[in-house]
Protein backbone atom coordinates (compact mmCIF):
# COMPACT_ATOMS: atom_id res chain seq x y z
CA MET A 1 -79.05 49.02 -53.42
CA LYS A 2 -78.88 45.61 -55.10
CA ILE A 3 -80.89 44.50 -58.11
CA GLY A 4 -82.12 40.96 -58.61
CA TYR A 5 -84.57 38.58 -60.26
CA PRO A 6 -86.33 35.36 -59.22
CA CYS A 7 -85.42 31.73 -59.71
CA ILE A 8 -84.67 31.28 -63.44
CA ASN A 9 -81.85 32.61 -65.59
CA GLN A 10 -83.02 32.59 -69.21
CA SER A 11 -79.49 33.03 -70.57
CA LEU A 12 -78.51 29.62 -69.21
CA SER A 13 -79.72 26.24 -70.45
CA CYS A 14 -80.25 24.74 -66.98
CA ARG A 15 -82.97 25.11 -64.35
CA SER A 16 -82.44 24.80 -60.60
CA SER A 17 -86.08 23.72 -60.15
CA ARG A 18 -86.01 20.28 -61.78
CA THR A 19 -88.52 17.94 -60.21
CA PHE A 20 -90.46 14.74 -60.91
CA ARG A 21 -93.84 13.20 -60.14
CA LEU A 22 -94.60 12.31 -56.55
CA ARG A 23 -95.46 8.75 -57.52
CA SER A 24 -91.97 8.40 -59.04
CA TYR A 25 -90.21 9.27 -55.78
CA THR A 26 -87.16 7.31 -54.69
CA ASP A 27 -84.32 8.50 -52.50
CA GLU A 28 -81.92 7.93 -55.39
CA ARG A 29 -84.00 10.02 -57.78
CA LEU A 30 -84.29 12.80 -55.21
CA LEU A 31 -80.53 12.94 -54.65
CA LEU A 32 -79.77 12.92 -58.38
CA THR A 33 -82.26 15.73 -58.98
CA VAL A 34 -80.89 17.88 -56.17
CA THR A 35 -77.36 17.33 -57.51
CA GLU A 36 -78.40 18.84 -60.84
CA ASN A 37 -80.39 21.64 -59.20
CA LEU A 38 -77.44 22.70 -57.05
CA ARG A 39 -75.11 22.56 -60.05
CA CYS A 40 -77.46 24.90 -61.92
CA LEU A 41 -77.78 27.20 -58.92
CA GLU A 42 -74.01 27.47 -58.92
CA ASP A 43 -74.06 28.44 -62.60
CA ILE A 44 -76.71 31.09 -61.94
CA LEU A 45 -74.74 32.58 -59.05
CA ARG A 46 -71.60 32.70 -61.20
CA TYR A 47 -73.51 34.49 -63.96
CA ASN A 48 -74.99 36.96 -61.50
CA ALA A 49 -71.63 37.71 -59.89
CA ASP A 50 -70.04 38.25 -63.31
CA HIS A 51 -72.75 40.76 -64.22
CA GLY A 52 -73.11 42.66 -60.94
CA ILE A 53 -76.53 41.17 -60.15
CA LEU A 54 -76.31 40.80 -56.39
CA PHE A 55 -79.86 39.88 -55.37
CA PHE A 56 -81.42 36.51 -56.21
CA ARG A 57 -84.48 34.53 -55.19
CA ILE A 58 -83.77 30.81 -54.92
CA THR A 59 -86.52 28.52 -56.20
CA SER A 60 -88.65 26.69 -53.66
CA ASP A 61 -88.23 23.57 -55.81
CA LEU A 62 -84.50 23.29 -55.16
CA VAL A 63 -85.18 20.11 -53.14
CA PRO A 64 -88.38 18.52 -54.51
CA PHE A 65 -90.84 17.18 -51.91
CA ALA A 66 -88.51 18.20 -49.08
CA SER A 67 -91.42 18.94 -46.72
CA HIS A 68 -93.55 15.99 -47.86
CA PRO A 69 -93.72 12.78 -45.78
CA VAL A 70 -92.56 10.83 -48.85
CA CYS A 71 -89.11 12.40 -48.60
CA THR A 72 -86.94 9.97 -46.65
CA ALA A 73 -83.55 10.90 -48.14
CA ASP A 74 -81.07 12.62 -45.84
CA TRP A 75 -80.49 15.38 -48.39
CA GLN A 76 -79.27 17.78 -45.72
CA ASP A 77 -76.27 15.63 -44.86
CA ALA A 78 -75.68 14.49 -48.43
CA PHE A 79 -75.34 18.08 -49.69
CA ARG A 80 -74.02 19.84 -46.59
CA GLU A 81 -70.66 20.65 -48.19
CA ASP A 82 -72.30 21.80 -51.43
CA PHE A 83 -74.59 24.20 -49.57
CA ALA A 84 -71.71 25.48 -47.46
CA ALA A 85 -69.60 26.18 -50.57
CA LEU A 86 -72.45 28.04 -52.26
CA GLY A 87 -73.03 30.02 -49.08
CA THR A 88 -69.37 31.01 -48.90
CA PHE A 89 -69.54 32.28 -52.46
CA ILE A 90 -72.70 34.26 -51.71
CA ARG A 91 -71.19 35.87 -48.63
CA GLU A 92 -67.87 36.69 -50.29
CA ARG A 93 -69.68 38.38 -53.14
CA GLU A 94 -71.96 40.23 -50.71
CA MET A 95 -75.02 38.87 -52.49
CA ARG A 96 -78.55 38.95 -51.05
CA ILE A 97 -80.74 35.84 -51.15
CA SER A 98 -84.46 35.34 -50.62
CA MET A 99 -87.06 32.61 -51.08
CA HIS A 100 -90.81 32.78 -51.69
CA PRO A 101 -93.08 29.77 -51.03
CA ASP A 102 -96.10 29.47 -53.31
CA GLN A 103 -99.63 30.76 -52.71
CA PHE A 104 -100.76 27.51 -51.04
CA ILE A 105 -98.64 28.25 -47.97
CA LEU A 106 -101.20 29.79 -45.62
CA LEU A 107 -100.37 30.49 -42.00
CA ASN A 108 -103.90 31.76 -41.37
CA ALA A 109 -105.65 28.78 -42.98
CA LYS A 110 -108.79 27.64 -41.18
CA ASP A 111 -107.97 24.02 -42.08
CA PRO A 112 -105.45 22.71 -39.50
CA GLU A 113 -103.93 20.35 -42.08
CA VAL A 114 -103.20 23.21 -44.48
CA PHE A 115 -101.64 25.14 -41.62
CA GLY A 116 -99.52 22.14 -40.63
CA ARG A 117 -98.27 21.60 -44.18
CA SER A 118 -97.49 25.33 -44.44
CA VAL A 119 -95.31 25.24 -41.31
CA HIS A 120 -93.40 22.21 -42.63
CA GLU A 121 -92.79 24.02 -45.91
CA LEU A 122 -91.57 27.15 -44.16
CA ALA A 123 -89.23 24.99 -42.05
CA TYR A 124 -87.76 23.55 -45.27
CA HIS A 125 -87.12 27.02 -46.67
CA ALA A 126 -85.46 28.12 -43.44
CA GLU A 127 -83.31 24.98 -43.49
CA VAL A 128 -82.03 25.76 -47.00
CA LEU A 129 -80.96 29.25 -45.92
CA ASP A 130 -79.40 27.86 -42.74
CA LEU A 131 -77.45 25.23 -44.71
CA LEU A 132 -76.11 28.10 -46.81
CA ASN A 133 -74.93 29.68 -43.53
CA LEU A 134 -76.60 32.97 -44.42
CA ASP A 135 -77.42 35.58 -41.82
CA MET A 136 -80.84 37.04 -41.03
CA THR A 137 -80.80 39.26 -44.11
CA ALA A 138 -81.71 36.17 -46.18
CA LYS A 139 -85.49 36.19 -46.01
CA ILE A 140 -88.55 34.03 -46.71
CA GLN A 141 -91.42 36.15 -47.96
CA LEU A 142 -95.04 35.28 -47.45
CA HIS A 143 -98.50 36.74 -47.97
CA ILE A 144 -100.87 37.10 -45.03
CA GLY A 145 -103.16 34.56 -46.69
CA GLY A 146 -106.90 34.20 -47.11
CA VAL A 147 -109.71 36.41 -45.83
CA TYR A 148 -112.19 33.57 -45.20
CA GLY A 149 -115.11 35.98 -44.93
CA ASP A 150 -113.70 37.85 -41.91
CA ARG A 151 -110.66 40.07 -42.47
CA ASP A 152 -110.10 40.98 -38.82
CA ALA A 153 -110.36 37.38 -37.61
CA SER A 154 -108.02 36.20 -40.38
CA ILE A 155 -105.42 38.83 -39.51
CA ALA A 156 -105.72 37.90 -35.83
CA ARG A 157 -105.26 34.22 -36.70
CA PHE A 158 -102.15 35.02 -38.73
CA ILE A 159 -100.70 36.99 -35.81
CA GLU A 160 -101.45 34.21 -33.34
CA ARG A 161 -99.91 31.53 -35.58
CA TYR A 162 -96.89 33.69 -36.41
CA LEU A 163 -96.03 34.24 -32.77
CA CYS A 164 -96.02 30.47 -32.16
CA LEU A 165 -93.52 29.64 -34.93
CA GLU A 166 -90.07 28.29 -34.16
CA GLU A 167 -87.26 30.83 -34.04
CA ALA A 168 -85.57 29.28 -37.09
CA ILE A 169 -88.57 30.41 -39.17
CA LEU A 170 -89.39 33.60 -37.29
CA ARG A 171 -86.00 35.17 -37.85
CA ARG A 172 -86.35 34.85 -41.63
CA LEU A 173 -90.02 35.52 -42.29
CA VAL A 174 -91.26 38.72 -43.93
CA ILE A 175 -94.71 39.57 -45.28
CA GLU A 176 -95.81 41.39 -48.41
CA ASN A 177 -98.92 43.14 -49.62
CA ASP A 178 -100.96 41.42 -52.33
CA ASP A 179 -103.07 42.52 -55.26
CA ARG A 180 -106.55 41.74 -53.88
CA ARG A 181 -106.76 40.79 -50.20
CA TYR A 182 -104.26 42.57 -47.97
CA THR A 183 -102.79 46.01 -48.54
CA ALA A 184 -99.50 47.44 -47.35
CA ARG A 185 -101.45 49.09 -44.52
CA ASP A 186 -102.76 45.66 -43.47
CA CYS A 187 -99.18 44.41 -43.42
CA LEU A 188 -98.14 47.35 -41.25
CA ARG A 189 -100.94 46.42 -38.86
CA VAL A 190 -99.50 42.90 -38.58
CA HIS A 191 -96.02 44.33 -38.08
CA THR A 192 -97.25 46.41 -35.15
CA GLU A 193 -98.38 43.22 -33.38
CA THR A 194 -95.48 40.96 -34.35
CA GLY A 195 -92.45 42.96 -35.45
CA VAL A 196 -92.35 41.11 -38.80
CA PRO A 197 -90.70 43.19 -41.58
CA VAL A 198 -92.82 44.19 -44.56
CA ILE A 199 -91.86 43.81 -48.23
CA PHE A 200 -93.47 46.42 -50.47
CA ASP A 201 -94.76 45.02 -53.77
CA THR A 202 -95.14 47.93 -56.16
CA LEU A 203 -97.51 46.33 -58.67
CA HIS A 204 -99.74 44.86 -55.98
CA HIS A 205 -99.98 48.30 -54.40
CA ARG A 206 -101.04 49.81 -57.71
CA VAL A 207 -103.74 47.29 -58.60
CA ASN A 208 -105.23 46.61 -55.16
CA SER A 209 -108.41 48.66 -55.16
CA SER A 210 -108.01 49.35 -51.42
CA SER A 211 -104.53 50.87 -51.84
CA ASP A 212 -104.80 54.57 -52.49
CA GLU A 213 -101.75 56.07 -50.77
CA PRO A 214 -98.88 57.51 -52.80
CA VAL A 215 -95.66 55.51 -52.56
CA GLU A 216 -93.85 58.52 -51.09
CA LYS A 217 -96.32 58.58 -48.20
CA ILE A 218 -96.48 54.91 -47.24
CA TYR A 219 -92.96 53.73 -48.02
CA PRO A 220 -91.21 55.44 -45.06
CA HIS A 221 -93.50 53.45 -42.73
CA ILE A 222 -92.61 50.22 -44.52
CA ALA A 223 -88.88 50.95 -44.41
CA ALA A 224 -89.15 51.46 -40.66
CA THR A 225 -90.26 47.82 -40.19
CA TRP A 226 -86.73 46.65 -41.02
CA ASN A 227 -83.92 46.75 -38.48
CA SER A 228 -80.18 46.32 -38.91
CA ARG A 229 -80.32 42.54 -38.37
CA ASP A 230 -82.89 42.17 -41.16
CA GLY A 231 -80.78 44.18 -43.58
CA ILE A 232 -81.76 46.74 -46.19
CA PRO A 233 -85.50 46.62 -46.95
CA MET A 234 -86.49 44.38 -49.85
CA VAL A 235 -88.93 45.55 -52.51
CA ASP A 236 -90.68 43.60 -55.26
CA TYR A 237 -90.91 45.74 -58.39
CA SER A 238 -92.85 45.24 -61.59
CA SER A 239 -95.01 47.27 -63.90
CA GLN A 240 -98.33 46.26 -65.40
CA ASP A 241 -98.41 44.21 -68.61
CA PRO A 242 -100.41 46.57 -70.86
CA ASP A 243 -102.12 43.64 -72.59
CA GLY A 244 -102.76 41.50 -69.49
CA ARG A 245 -105.22 41.36 -66.62
CA PRO A 246 -104.60 43.76 -63.73
CA GLY A 247 -101.60 42.52 -61.77
CA LYS A 248 -99.95 40.64 -64.61
CA HIS A 249 -96.22 41.33 -64.67
CA ALA A 250 -94.70 43.10 -67.64
CA ALA A 251 -92.64 41.14 -70.17
CA THR A 252 -89.69 43.50 -69.86
CA ILE A 253 -88.77 46.43 -67.67
CA ASP A 254 -90.27 49.87 -68.29
CA ILE A 255 -87.20 51.95 -67.49
CA SER A 256 -89.05 55.24 -67.13
CA ASP A 257 -91.49 53.67 -64.65
CA PHE A 258 -88.64 51.94 -62.82
CA LEU A 259 -86.68 55.16 -62.41
CA ARG A 260 -89.83 56.92 -61.27
CA PHE A 261 -90.17 54.32 -58.49
CA THR A 262 -86.54 54.50 -57.40
CA GLY A 263 -87.01 58.26 -57.19
CA GLU A 264 -90.18 57.87 -55.12
CA VAL A 265 -88.35 55.83 -52.46
CA CYS A 266 -85.28 58.09 -52.41
CA PRO A 267 -83.33 58.62 -50.19
CA PHE A 268 -84.09 55.17 -48.74
CA ASP A 269 -81.77 52.33 -49.67
CA VAL A 270 -83.64 49.31 -51.08
CA ASP A 271 -82.80 45.92 -52.54
CA ILE A 272 -85.08 45.49 -55.55
CA MET A 273 -86.38 42.15 -56.81
CA LEU A 274 -87.57 42.54 -60.42
CA GLU A 275 -90.63 40.35 -60.91
CA ILE A 276 -90.47 40.73 -64.68
CA LYS A 277 -90.74 37.95 -67.22
CA ASP A 278 -87.39 38.34 -68.97
CA LYS A 279 -85.56 37.96 -65.64
CA GLU A 280 -81.83 38.73 -65.85
CA GLN A 281 -82.23 40.77 -69.03
CA SER A 282 -84.33 43.34 -67.20
CA ALA A 283 -81.90 43.21 -64.27
CA LEU A 284 -79.06 44.18 -66.62
CA LEU A 285 -81.14 47.03 -68.08
CA ALA A 286 -81.99 48.24 -64.57
CA LEU A 287 -78.33 48.23 -63.55
CA ALA A 288 -77.41 50.28 -66.60
CA ALA A 289 -80.23 52.74 -65.92
CA LEU A 290 -79.12 53.20 -62.32
CA GLU A 291 -75.55 54.07 -63.20
CA GLY A 292 -74.68 57.09 -61.12
CA ASP A 293 -77.23 56.34 -58.37
CA ARG A 294 -75.10 56.46 -55.24
CA ARG A 295 -77.25 53.80 -53.56
CA LEU A 296 -76.27 51.14 -56.11
CA THR A 297 -73.93 48.31 -55.07
CA GLN A 298 -72.00 46.51 -57.82
CA ARG A 299 -69.08 44.15 -57.73
CA GLY A 300 -67.76 42.53 -60.88
CA VAL A 301 -65.10 39.96 -60.03
CA THR A 302 -66.24 36.38 -59.76
CA GLN A 303 -64.58 33.54 -57.87
CA THR A 304 -64.60 29.77 -58.06
CA ILE A 305 -66.96 27.86 -55.84
CA SER A 306 -65.05 25.03 -54.15
CA LYS A 307 -66.46 22.56 -51.68
CA GLY A 308 -65.22 23.03 -48.16
CA LYS A 309 -63.61 26.43 -48.85
């Protein structure tokens, strides 16, 4: 079991998601921005390694406009050594990495242009993970998409589009349940037709009005969608913000609720992404709360990231 958080470390002053306006694009500006983003990503990985946080979601904005036609810079070649060095660090520390494109990435979109842009964006995400030289356990997570007035037709369209994707994307893609449209059972239906692994989102399961199965009942089916090449199943965990709309993530971890969930999925091993607003602070609290859980993986010695090593 590894514990992680997404994209931003609030204890550090940098962000690995720096960007700029599309109309301001130049190759030089792109390369300078990516230089700073990779430097910050290195700082985040160092922090995580020092603190035993071994699961991290890399921001989709690491390379701004990478899938947009405006991007003419050869950023892949320019930063090949930097990516390789970061990947070596990740592998040596036995860290787990994921990425999560935004909600506008829709494989089942009825608009062919939206679908085309979505495929280009997924290809960019896969390229980042490939440049890091990470194996198939580094995943890109995605929602099934829109319903468009016909759930069955939309699921069928997702399945058809998924099966036509290039292998570089297919081997990394996983799907997750959402809070309104598609339940964990819907995701299992897609898995049956495609073999795609399913990420279980705990908060989405709780607030989706069509999800009524106890975690202990449905989770074994979700865990079975992952094979050894895909790695330990990933889970997105959060609890409800008591003052927010249904589905709004809590500001900080509710330890009693968190331990209740880890008990519900026992004895399965899971890598848990904490989708909680205070990021690494909740990850540290979760690690402390799990002390003594035999599933937990922690390593505490950091190393220097050096290009070409």
